Amino acid sequence: AADCKHYAAYDLEDWNGTDRFHFDARVSDQDLIETYLPPFETCIRDAKVASIMCSFNAVNGIPACANQFLLETIARESYHLDGFVVSDCGAVATIMDGHHYTSTVQDTV
């Protein structure tokens, strides 16, 4: 089944001491809507993709794989994702270990 990745604002692998496991993409609402999200809108709405893959990075302080706005409000409610969300390999662990967004495994999952 087809999978659209890496959702969303994933544009850094390793630069100037920051890697993808710790990167926080600071993106304006306008840039998010006009630049980063349109490919996923097309993938979900038009191609009726089976799944999307959330990325390692955070978006405006919230890890992509824990970002309710991106996963629920945008992907499911606005774009009508009927499939599932998968994480990039180890991306769920970076919610706690890389971004320090949660403090326990239970809070992370």
N, C-alpha and C. Protein backbone atom coordinates (compact mmCIF):
# COMPACT_ATOMS: atom_id res chain seq x y z
N ALA A 1 0.84 -1.19 0.00
CA ALA A 1 0.00 0.00 0.00
C ALA A 1 0.88 1.24 0.00
N ALA A 2 0.40 2.27 -0.64
CA ALA A 2 1.16 3.52 -0.74
C ALA A 2 1.18 4.26 0.59
N ASP A 3 2.27 4.98 0.83
CA ASP A 3 2.48 5.73 2.06
C ASP A 3 3.12 7.07 1.70
N CYS A 4 2.54 8.17 2.18
CA CYS A 4 3.14 9.49 1.96
C CYS A 4 3.99 9.86 3.16
N LYS A 5 5.20 10.29 2.88
CA LYS A 5 6.11 10.64 3.96
C LYS A 5 6.98 11.81 3.56
N HIS A 6 7.55 12.46 4.40
CA HIS A 6 7.64 12.47 5.85
C HIS A 6 6.82 13.66 6.33
N TYR A 7 5.76 13.41 7.03
CA TYR A 7 4.75 14.39 7.45
C TYR A 7 5.15 14.98 8.79
N ALA A 8 5.45 16.18 8.93
CA ALA A 8 5.45 17.31 8.01
C ALA A 8 6.63 18.22 8.35
N ALA A 9 6.97 19.08 7.40
CA ALA A 9 8.05 20.06 7.53
C ALA A 9 9.39 19.39 7.81
N TYR A 10 9.58 18.24 7.22
CA TYR A 10 10.82 17.48 7.38
C TYR A 10 11.80 17.93 6.31
N ASP A 11 12.76 18.75 6.71
CA ASP A 11 13.70 19.25 5.71
C ASP A 11 15.13 19.38 6.23
N LEU A 12 15.46 18.61 7.26
CA LEU A 12 16.82 18.66 7.79
C LEU A 12 17.26 17.27 8.21
N GLU A 13 18.36 16.83 7.68
CA GLU A 13 18.94 15.55 8.07
C GLU A 13 19.98 15.76 9.16
N ASP A 14 20.94 16.61 8.89
CA ASP A 14 22.01 16.91 9.84
C ASP A 14 22.69 18.19 9.39
N TRP A 15 22.60 19.22 10.21
CA TRP A 15 23.18 20.50 9.84
C TRP A 15 23.61 21.27 11.06
N ASN A 16 24.84 21.71 11.05
CA ASN A 16 25.35 22.61 12.08
C ASN A 16 25.09 22.11 13.50
N GLY A 17 25.25 20.81 13.71
CA GLY A 17 25.08 20.23 15.04
C GLY A 17 23.66 19.82 15.40
N THR A 18 22.72 20.01 14.51
CA THR A 18 21.33 19.59 14.77
C THR A 18 20.97 18.48 13.80
N ASP A 19 20.45 17.38 14.34
CA ASP A 19 20.06 16.27 13.47
C ASP A 19 18.54 16.13 13.45
N ARG A 20 18.08 15.24 12.62
CA ARG A 20 16.63 15.05 12.42
C ARG A 20 15.91 14.61 13.68
N PHE A 21 16.62 14.02 14.63
CA PHE A 21 16.00 13.54 15.86
C PHE A 21 15.75 14.67 16.86
N HIS A 22 16.37 15.81 16.64
CA HIS A 22 16.24 16.94 17.57
C HIS A 22 15.73 18.22 16.90
N PHE A 23 15.58 18.19 15.59
CA PHE A 23 15.20 19.39 14.83
C PHE A 23 13.77 19.81 15.13
N ASP A 24 13.59 21.10 15.35
CA ASP A 24 12.26 21.68 15.54
C ASP A 24 12.04 22.69 14.42
N ALA A 25 11.24 22.34 13.45
CA ALA A 25 10.95 23.22 12.32
C ALA A 25 10.02 24.34 12.80
N ARG A 26 10.53 25.55 12.82
CA ARG A 26 9.73 26.71 13.19
C ARG A 26 9.12 27.26 11.91
N VAL A 27 7.84 27.02 11.74
CA VAL A 27 7.17 27.30 10.47
C VAL A 27 5.94 28.18 10.74
N SER A 28 5.81 29.24 9.97
CA SER A 28 4.63 30.09 10.12
C SER A 28 3.40 29.33 9.61
N ASP A 29 2.24 29.74 10.07
CA ASP A 29 1.00 29.11 9.59
C ASP A 29 0.90 29.22 8.07
N GLN A 30 1.27 30.38 7.54
CA GLN A 30 1.20 30.58 6.09
C GLN A 30 2.13 29.62 5.36
N ASP A 31 3.37 29.48 5.82
CA ASP A 31 4.30 28.54 5.18
C ASP A 31 3.83 27.10 5.30
N LEU A 32 3.28 26.76 6.44
CA LEU A 32 2.78 25.40 6.63
C LEU A 32 1.67 25.11 5.62
N ILE A 33 0.72 26.02 5.52
CA ILE A 33 -0.43 25.82 4.63
C ILE A 33 -0.06 25.93 3.15
N GLU A 34 0.81 26.86 2.81
CA GLU A 34 1.13 27.09 1.39
C GLU A 34 2.29 26.25 0.86
N THR A 35 3.20 25.82 1.73
CA THR A 35 4.41 25.15 1.27
C THR A 35 4.50 23.69 1.69
N TYR A 36 4.36 23.43 2.97
CA TYR A 36 4.64 22.09 3.50
C TYR A 36 3.48 21.11 3.41
N LEU A 37 2.25 21.58 3.51
CA LEU A 37 1.11 20.66 3.54
C LEU A 37 0.48 20.31 2.19
N PRO A 38 0.55 21.16 1.16
CA PRO A 38 -0.11 20.81 -0.11
C PRO A 38 0.25 19.44 -0.70
N PRO A 39 1.51 18.99 -0.66
CA PRO A 39 1.77 17.65 -1.20
C PRO A 39 1.02 16.55 -0.45
N PHE A 40 0.85 16.73 0.85
CA PHE A 40 0.13 15.73 1.64
C PHE A 40 -1.37 15.82 1.40
N GLU A 41 -1.87 17.02 1.19
CA GLU A 41 -3.29 17.17 0.86
C GLU A 41 -3.59 16.43 -0.44
N THR A 42 -2.76 16.61 -1.44
CA THR A 42 -2.94 15.92 -2.72
C THR A 42 -2.83 14.41 -2.55
N CYS A 43 -1.86 13.99 -1.80
CA CYS A 43 -1.64 12.56 -1.57
C CYS A 43 -2.83 11.91 -0.87
N ILE A 44 -3.35 12.58 0.14
CA ILE A 44 -4.46 12.02 0.92
C ILE A 44 -5.78 12.14 0.17
N ARG A 45 -6.11 13.33 -0.30
CA ARG A 45 -7.42 13.56 -0.94
C ARG A 45 -7.52 12.94 -2.33
N ASP A 46 -6.53 13.18 -3.16
CA ASP A 46 -6.62 12.76 -4.56
C ASP A 46 -6.16 11.32 -4.77
N ALA A 47 -5.05 10.96 -4.15
CA ALA A 47 -4.50 9.61 -4.36
C ALA A 47 -5.11 8.60 -3.40
N LYS A 48 -5.83 9.08 -2.39
CA LYS A 48 -6.47 8.20 -1.40
C LYS A 48 -5.46 7.21 -0.82
N VAL A 49 -4.33 7.75 -0.40
CA VAL A 49 -3.23 6.95 0.14
C VAL A 49 -3.69 6.12 1.33
N ALA A 50 -3.06 4.98 1.52
CA ALA A 50 -3.41 4.08 2.62
C ALA A 50 -2.89 4.58 3.96
N SER A 51 -1.78 5.33 3.93
CA SER A 51 -1.20 5.79 5.19
C SER A 51 -0.29 6.99 4.96
N ILE A 52 0.02 7.67 6.07
CA ILE A 52 1.04 8.70 6.06
C ILE A 52 2.06 8.34 7.13
N MET A 53 3.29 8.77 6.92
CA MET A 53 4.36 8.52 7.88
C MET A 53 4.75 9.83 8.54
N CYS A 54 4.56 9.90 9.86
CA CYS A 54 4.99 11.10 10.58
C CYS A 54 6.52 11.07 10.71
N SER A 55 7.10 12.25 10.71
CA SER A 55 8.55 12.37 10.66
C SER A 55 9.19 12.53 12.04
N PHE A 56 10.52 12.49 12.05
CA PHE A 56 11.30 12.61 13.29
C PHE A 56 11.20 13.99 13.91
N ASN A 57 11.17 15.01 13.10
CA ASN A 57 11.27 16.38 13.59
C ASN A 57 10.02 16.83 14.36
N ALA A 58 10.21 17.92 15.08
CA ALA A 58 9.08 18.61 15.70
C ALA A 58 8.65 19.74 14.76
N VAL A 59 7.43 20.18 14.91
CA VAL A 59 6.92 21.32 14.16
C VAL A 59 6.39 22.32 15.18
N ASN A 60 7.05 23.44 15.27
CA ASN A 60 6.68 24.49 16.22
C ASN A 60 6.58 23.96 17.65
N GLY A 61 7.57 23.16 18.03
CA GLY A 61 7.68 22.69 19.40
C GLY A 61 6.99 21.38 19.71
N ILE A 62 6.24 20.82 18.77
CA ILE A 62 5.52 19.57 19.00
C ILE A 62 6.02 18.51 18.02
N PRO A 63 6.53 17.38 18.53
CA PRO A 63 7.00 16.33 17.63
C PRO A 63 5.91 15.93 16.63
N ALA A 64 6.30 15.74 15.38
CA ALA A 64 5.33 15.43 14.32
C ALA A 64 4.48 14.22 14.65
N CYS A 65 5.07 13.21 15.28
CA CYS A 65 4.32 11.99 15.61
C CYS A 65 3.43 12.14 16.83
N ALA A 66 3.48 13.30 17.48
CA ALA A 66 2.61 13.58 18.63
C ALA A 66 1.76 14.82 18.39
N ASN A 67 1.76 15.31 17.18
CA ASN A 67 1.12 16.58 16.87
C ASN A 67 -0.34 16.37 16.48
N GLN A 68 -1.22 16.57 17.44
CA GLN A 68 -2.65 16.36 17.22
C GLN A 68 -3.20 17.26 16.12
N PHE A 69 -2.70 18.48 16.04
CA PHE A 69 -3.17 19.39 15.00
C PHE A 69 -2.86 18.82 13.61
N LEU A 70 -1.63 18.37 13.40
CA LEU A 70 -1.25 17.82 12.09
C LEU A 70 -1.93 16.49 11.81
N LEU A 71 -1.95 15.60 12.80
CA LEU A 71 -2.45 14.25 12.57
C LEU A 71 -3.97 14.16 12.55
N GLU A 72 -4.61 14.82 13.48
CA GLU A 72 -6.07 14.73 13.58
C GLU A 72 -6.79 15.85 12.81
N THR A 73 -6.48 17.10 13.17
CA THR A 73 -7.21 18.22 12.58
C THR A 73 -6.96 18.33 11.08
N ILE A 74 -5.71 18.28 10.67
CA ILE A 74 -5.40 18.44 9.25
C ILE A 74 -5.59 17.13 8.48
N ALA A 75 -4.83 16.09 8.83
CA ALA A 75 -4.85 14.85 8.03
C ALA A 75 -6.21 14.16 8.05
N ARG A 76 -6.77 13.98 9.21
CA ARG A 76 -8.03 13.21 9.30
C ARG A 76 -9.27 14.07 9.03
N GLU A 77 -9.38 15.20 9.72
CA GLU A 77 -10.60 16.00 9.59
C GLU A 77 -10.64 16.84 8.31
N SER A 78 -9.56 17.53 8.00
CA SER A 78 -9.56 18.40 6.81
C SER A 78 -9.33 17.64 5.51
N TYR A 79 -8.35 16.71 5.52
CA TYR A 79 -8.00 15.99 4.29
C TYR A 79 -8.71 14.65 4.18
N HIS A 80 -9.39 14.23 5.23
CA HIS A 80 -10.17 12.99 5.25
C HIS A 80 -9.33 11.72 5.10
N LEU A 81 -8.21 11.69 5.81
CA LEU A 81 -7.40 10.47 5.83
C LEU A 81 -8.23 9.36 6.45
N ASP A 82 -8.42 8.30 5.69
CA ASP A 82 -9.19 7.15 6.16
C ASP A 82 -8.27 5.98 6.50
N GLY A 83 -7.00 6.17 6.27
CA GLY A 83 -6.02 5.12 6.53
C GLY A 83 -5.39 5.27 7.90
N PHE A 84 -4.15 4.89 7.99
CA PHE A 84 -3.47 4.91 9.28
C PHE A 84 -2.22 5.76 9.22
N VAL A 85 -1.69 6.07 10.41
CA VAL A 85 -0.46 6.83 10.54
C VAL A 85 0.61 5.88 11.05
N VAL A 86 1.75 5.87 10.38
CA VAL A 86 2.90 5.09 10.84
C VAL A 86 4.01 6.07 11.19
N SER A 87 4.87 5.65 12.09
CA SER A 87 6.01 6.50 12.43
C SER A 87 7.23 6.06 11.64
N ASP A 88 8.11 7.01 11.39
CA ASP A 88 9.40 6.65 10.83
C ASP A 88 10.11 5.81 11.90
N CYS A 89 11.04 5.01 11.49
CA CYS A 89 11.71 4.08 12.40
C CYS A 89 12.31 4.80 13.61
N GLY A 90 11.75 4.57 14.77
CA GLY A 90 12.24 5.19 15.99
C GLY A 90 11.69 6.57 16.27
N ALA A 91 10.82 7.08 15.42
CA ALA A 91 10.31 8.44 15.60
C ALA A 91 9.48 8.60 16.87
N VAL A 92 8.79 7.56 17.28
CA VAL A 92 8.00 7.66 18.51
C VAL A 92 8.94 7.81 19.71
N ALA A 93 10.05 7.10 19.70
CA ALA A 93 11.02 7.21 20.80
C ALA A 93 11.60 8.61 20.89
N THR A 94 11.75 9.30 19.76
CA THR A 94 12.31 10.65 19.81
C THR A 94 11.36 11.66 20.46
N ILE A 95 10.10 11.31 20.58
CA ILE A 95 9.16 12.20 21.28
C ILE A 95 9.66 12.43 22.70
N MET A 96 10.14 11.36 23.34
CA MET A 96 10.64 11.45 24.70
C MET A 96 12.15 11.69 24.72
N ASP A 97 12.91 10.89 23.98
CA ASP A 97 14.37 10.92 24.07
C ASP A 97 15.02 12.09 23.33
N GLY A 98 14.49 12.45 22.19
CA GLY A 98 15.10 13.51 21.39
C GLY A 98 14.53 14.88 21.67
N HIS A 99 13.21 14.97 21.70
CA HIS A 99 12.55 16.27 21.86
C HIS A 99 12.20 16.57 23.32
N HIS A 100 12.24 15.56 24.16
CA HIS A 100 11.89 15.72 25.58
C HIS A 100 10.50 16.33 25.75
N TYR A 101 9.60 15.92 24.87
CA TYR A 101 8.22 16.40 24.89
C TYR A 101 7.40 15.68 25.95
N THR A 102 7.75 14.42 26.19
CA THR A 102 7.13 13.63 27.26
C THR A 102 8.23 13.14 28.18
N SER A 103 7.85 12.70 29.38
CA SER A 103 8.87 12.26 30.33
C SER A 103 8.82 10.77 30.62
N THR A 104 7.77 10.09 30.19
CA THR A 104 7.68 8.64 30.41
C THR A 104 7.25 7.95 29.12
N VAL A 105 7.57 6.66 29.04
CA VAL A 105 7.15 5.86 27.89
C VAL A 105 5.63 5.84 27.81
N GLN A 106 4.96 5.72 28.95
CA GLN A 106 3.50 5.67 28.98
C GLN A 106 2.89 6.95 28.41
N ASP A 107 3.47 8.10 28.74
CA ASP A 107 2.97 9.36 28.19
C ASP A 107 3.23 9.46 26.69
N THR A 108 4.29 8.82 26.24
CA THR A 108 4.68 8.89 24.84
C THR A 108 3.74 8.10 23.95
N VAL A 109 3.37 6.91 24.38
CA VAL A 109 2.50 6.08 23.56
C VAL A 109 1.07 6.23 24.00
